[in-house]
Protein backbone atom coordinates (compact mmCIF):
# COMPACT_ATOMS: atom_id res chain seq x y z
CA MET A 1 118.49 52.35 99.07
CA GLY A 2 115.48 51.52 101.22
CA VAL A 3 111.93 51.48 99.90
CA PRO A 4 112.88 52.64 96.37
CA ALA A 5 115.43 49.81 96.07
CA LEU A 6 112.89 47.24 97.24
CA LYS A 7 110.27 48.51 94.81
CA GLU A 8 112.83 48.23 92.01
CA ALA A 9 113.81 44.70 93.09
CA LEU A 10 110.26 43.34 93.19
CA PRO A 11 109.43 41.29 90.08
CA SER A 12 106.62 42.25 87.70
CA TYR A 13 104.30 39.57 89.08
CA ALA A 14 104.44 41.36 92.44
CA LYS A 15 103.14 44.69 91.13
CA ASP A 16 100.42 44.75 93.81
CA ILE A 17 103.05 44.31 96.52
CA ARG A 18 105.15 47.13 95.02
CA LEU A 19 102.17 49.50 94.99
CA ASN A 20 101.13 48.48 98.49
CA LEU A 21 104.65 49.04 99.79
CA ASP A 22 104.50 52.59 98.54
CA SER A 23 101.05 53.27 99.97
CA ALA A 24 101.61 51.52 103.30
CA ILE A 25 104.70 53.59 104.09
CA ALA A 26 104.70 56.77 102.00
CA VAL A 27 101.05 57.61 102.61
CA SER A 28 100.90 56.47 106.24
CA ARG A 29 99.41 58.86 108.76
CA LEU A 30 101.25 57.25 111.65
CA PRO A 31 103.73 59.37 113.57
CA GLU A 32 107.22 58.84 112.14
CA GLN A 33 108.57 56.85 115.10
CA ARG A 34 105.56 54.54 115.20
CA LEU A 35 105.69 54.00 111.43
CA TRP A 36 109.40 53.30 111.09
CA GLY A 37 109.56 51.22 114.26
CA THR A 38 106.75 49.10 112.82
CA VAL A 39 108.54 48.78 109.49
CA LEU A 40 111.78 47.73 111.22
CA ALA A 41 110.18 45.31 113.69
CA THR A 42 108.11 43.58 111.01
CA ALA A 43 111.07 43.37 108.65
CA ILE A 44 112.98 41.56 111.39
CA ALA A 45 110.02 39.25 112.04
CA SER A 46 109.67 38.53 108.33
CA ARG A 47 113.21 37.11 108.21
CA GLY A 48 114.00 38.31 104.70
CA ARG A 49 117.59 39.51 104.53
CA ARG A 50 117.25 41.86 101.57
CA ALA A 51 114.08 43.49 102.92
CA LEU A 52 115.62 43.83 106.37
CA VAL A 53 118.87 45.37 105.13
CA GLU A 54 117.05 47.93 102.99
CA LEU A 55 114.35 48.80 105.50
CA ALA A 56 116.69 48.92 108.50
CA GLY A 57 118.94 51.32 106.62
CA GLU A 58 116.03 53.62 105.92
CA ALA A 59 114.57 53.22 109.43
CA LYS A 60 117.88 54.47 110.89
CA GLU A 61 117.27 57.76 109.10
CA HIS A 62 113.87 58.18 110.79
CA LEU A 63 114.42 56.76 114.29
CA SER A 64 116.54 57.79 117.23
CA GLY A 65 119.08 55.20 118.35
CA GLU A 66 116.87 54.41 121.34
CA ALA A 67 113.77 53.88 119.19
CA PHE A 68 115.74 51.78 116.67
CA ASP A 69 116.91 49.49 119.49
CA ALA A 70 113.44 49.40 121.06
CA ALA A 71 111.89 48.25 117.76
CA LYS A 72 114.53 45.51 117.55
CA ALA A 73 113.77 44.59 121.18
CA ALA A 74 110.05 44.34 120.39
CA ALA A 75 110.82 41.99 117.49
CA ALA A 76 113.16 39.90 119.65
CA VAL A 77 110.87 39.47 122.64
CA MET A 78 107.87 38.76 120.45
CA ALA A 79 109.83 36.11 118.53
CA MET A 80 110.01 34.27 121.85
CA ASN A 81 106.57 35.15 123.20
CA ASN A 82 104.69 34.42 119.98
CA VAL A 83 106.06 30.88 119.85
CA TYR A 84 105.43 30.28 123.55
CA TYR A 85 101.90 31.73 123.79
CA ARG A 86 100.73 30.45 120.40
CA SER A 87 101.85 26.96 121.40
CA LYS A 88 100.06 27.14 124.78
CA HIS A 89 96.91 28.28 122.98
CA LEU A 90 97.17 25.43 120.46
CA LEU A 91 97.62 22.90 123.27
CA ALA A 92 94.50 24.21 124.98
CA ASP A 93 92.57 24.02 121.69
CA ALA A 94 93.73 20.41 121.30
CA GLY A 95 92.22 19.54 124.66
CA ALA A 96 95.45 19.47 126.64
CA ALA A 97 94.36 20.89 129.99
CA GLY A 98 96.44 22.59 132.63
CA TYR A 99 99.10 24.38 130.60
CA GLU A 100 97.42 27.76 130.99
CA ASP A 101 98.13 27.67 134.76
CA ILE A 102 101.87 27.06 134.43
CA PRO A 103 103.89 30.30 134.61
CA ALA A 104 106.00 31.14 131.56
CA ARG A 105 109.21 31.65 133.55
CA LEU A 106 110.59 33.55 130.57
CA ARG A 107 112.32 36.86 131.07
CA MET A 108 110.46 39.59 129.19
CA GLN A 109 111.29 42.66 131.23
CA VAL A 110 111.58 44.83 128.10
CA ILE A 111 107.78 44.69 127.76
CA GLY A 112 107.50 46.44 131.14
CA THR A 113 110.12 49.06 130.31
CA HIS A 114 109.00 49.49 126.69
CA GLY A 115 112.61 49.71 125.57
CA GLY A 116 112.72 53.32 126.75
CA VAL A 117 110.12 54.56 124.25
CA ASP A 118 106.46 55.50 124.55
CA VAL A 119 104.29 52.60 125.72
CA ALA A 120 101.93 52.90 122.74
CA ASP A 121 104.80 52.77 120.23
CA PHE A 122 106.36 49.68 121.81
CA GLU A 123 102.98 47.93 122.07
CA PHE A 124 102.27 48.86 118.45
CA TRP A 125 105.48 47.18 117.35
CA CYS A 126 104.72 44.09 119.46
CA PHE A 127 101.25 43.93 117.93
CA ALA A 128 102.60 44.19 114.37
CA VAL A 129 105.24 41.50 114.98
CA SER A 130 102.56 39.24 116.48
CA SER A 131 100.58 39.56 113.27
CA VAL A 132 103.57 38.41 111.23
CA ASN A 133 104.16 35.52 113.63
CA GLY A 134 100.48 34.55 113.78
CA CYS A 135 99.93 34.59 117.52
CA GLY A 136 96.25 35.25 118.21
CA GLY A 137 96.66 35.54 121.97
CA CYS A 138 99.43 38.12 121.65
CA LEU A 139 97.51 40.02 118.97
CA ALA A 140 94.48 40.28 121.25
CA ALA A 141 96.50 41.26 124.32
CA HIS A 142 98.50 43.96 122.55
CA GLU A 143 95.41 45.27 120.74
CA ARG A 144 93.64 45.68 124.11
CA THR A 145 96.64 47.56 125.49
CA LEU A 146 96.78 49.80 122.42
CA ARG A 147 93.08 50.59 122.68
CA ASP A 148 93.54 51.33 126.43
CA GLN A 149 96.36 53.70 125.42
CA GLY A 150 93.93 55.59 123.18
CA VAL A 151 95.15 54.18 119.86
CA GLY A 152 92.24 54.11 117.41
CA LYS A 153 91.13 51.17 115.31
CA ASP A 154 92.36 52.87 112.13
CA GLN A 155 95.91 52.99 113.48
CA VAL A 156 95.72 49.41 114.77
CA HIS A 157 94.53 48.38 111.33
CA GLU A 158 97.44 50.26 109.76
CA ALA A 159 99.85 48.11 111.78
CA LEU A 160 98.32 45.04 110.16
CA ARG A 161 98.65 46.56 106.68
CA ILE A 162 102.30 47.47 107.21
CA ALA A 163 103.10 44.03 108.63
CA ALA A 164 101.37 42.26 105.75
CA VAL A 165 103.13 44.32 103.08
CA VAL A 166 106.59 44.14 104.65
CA HIS A 167 106.19 40.39 105.07
CA ALA A 168 105.07 40.00 101.43
CA VAL A 169 108.09 42.00 100.24
CA ALA A 170 110.45 39.81 102.30
CA VAL A 171 108.88 36.55 101.13
CA THR A 172 108.80 37.61 97.48
CA LEU A 173 112.43 38.74 97.42
CA GLU A 174 113.61 35.61 99.24
CA ALA A 175 111.70 33.46 96.74
CA GLU A 176 113.20 35.35 93.81
CA GLU A 177 116.70 34.91 95.19
CA ALA A 178 116.17 31.21 95.89
CA THR A 179 114.65 30.46 92.50
CA ALA A 180 117.36 32.43 90.70
CA GLU A 181 120.03 30.44 92.56
CA ASP A 182 118.17 27.20 91.85
CA ALA A 183 118.10 28.00 88.12
CA VAL A 184 121.87 28.50 88.09
CA VAL A 185 122.67 25.29 89.97
């Protein structure tokens, strides 16, 4: 179950992903809550069922119930915010003026409460999810907050590594499942 099961499930052509999965999680220097909240939040953002089931099961062993829910909350609110803010940024880049002055009018109170966990952990998870979802504005905003919270560049960089690897695992396993089903049909 968990990381070992995912490593076993990855096909031979994804050897690099398998090795990176091991190093990104097993060798991480992040505090346990920050690490496993990042793994869970990015697995949710990556939308791969197999990866999410395995990683959520293992994350439950490392996170309190409150932290587990907070990581899910970070993934949920960033799913909304990343679409909204990325789209506003793209409109501005396309020359559409005036959208930056219109308030979002989206409820995102969980960002202010941090889901009941440490501010730096919640922001870390939001940052990692924003990397999966490709929102430059959210990445920059959460990186600034993390740096203001005293989180070093090495840890911020580690969030990117974890997000990239978890996403690659999810994509690879979803592709394997889809192509195996396609071959049977």
